[in-house]
Amino acid sequence: MHLIFVKSNNSRFRRDATGAFIPEAKHLESMLVTNASKVKTININTRLYSMTSRQLIVIRAIKEAIRNGDEVKSISFFCHGWPTGLQLWGQGKAAALDLAHTIQSYKIKMVNLYACSCASQKRGKPKFLNTVWGALCEQKHDCQLMGHHVRGHTTRNPRVEIYFSGDDGCHYPLFEKKADRKMWARWRKKLRQNQNFRVLFPYWVYRGLRGENLLGVV
């Protein structure tokens, strides 16, 4: 079972939900279903639910899937993010540790944050996703985490950081402009032009694709 959590209401004077989060989340759902996977999308209205309530909605959905006999293989969030937290979960170190505990407790192997800035490390200080990753490494729980360094579109943002936790924990930028300008340009173009690619690439990374092999996926 793959669970997708999406901010369902537009922010004031913006079409962030109807113009980005909802259509991209729906496309991910359709692609996973096409690949014969069980998927459930949960819409969360941030005007109706407090941060604590949003976190409870996520946990209840995970528990319900497990009660129904499903293994929760991945959880994905389509919402706003900050260096300090995630709109559909919470902010601060305590929220990051709570997310790590949830991932470990329910044996989740992949977490995708299609959100801004959660992987930011401004001024060298570990931020939200780094804290989640560090806690999972301490617990020796194997999981792949995906997040963005900076603000940008929910799925077209090229500044992606991939984390692997467990005994051999590591994290790295998926592509870097300074490392290979041509590959960086191909990566950005593929994110802009190929919706299938930009919602599914974390799943291909999980299967071991990197660099040229990743960009070669149709």
Foldseek 3Di string as FASTA:
>chain_A
DEEEEFAQDADPPGCQRVVAGPVLSVVLVVVCVVVVDDYDYDYDHPVVDPLVRLQVVVLVVLVVCVVVPHQHAEYEYRAEAAQAGTSSFDGHLVSLLVVLCSCQVSLHAEYEYLYFQPCAQPPNHRGRPSSSQVNQQVVQRWHKYKDARGDDGSQLRQRMKIWTHGPPTDIDGQDDCVVPVVQSVLSNVCSVPPSVLRSCLVVVVVVPDGGPRSSPDD
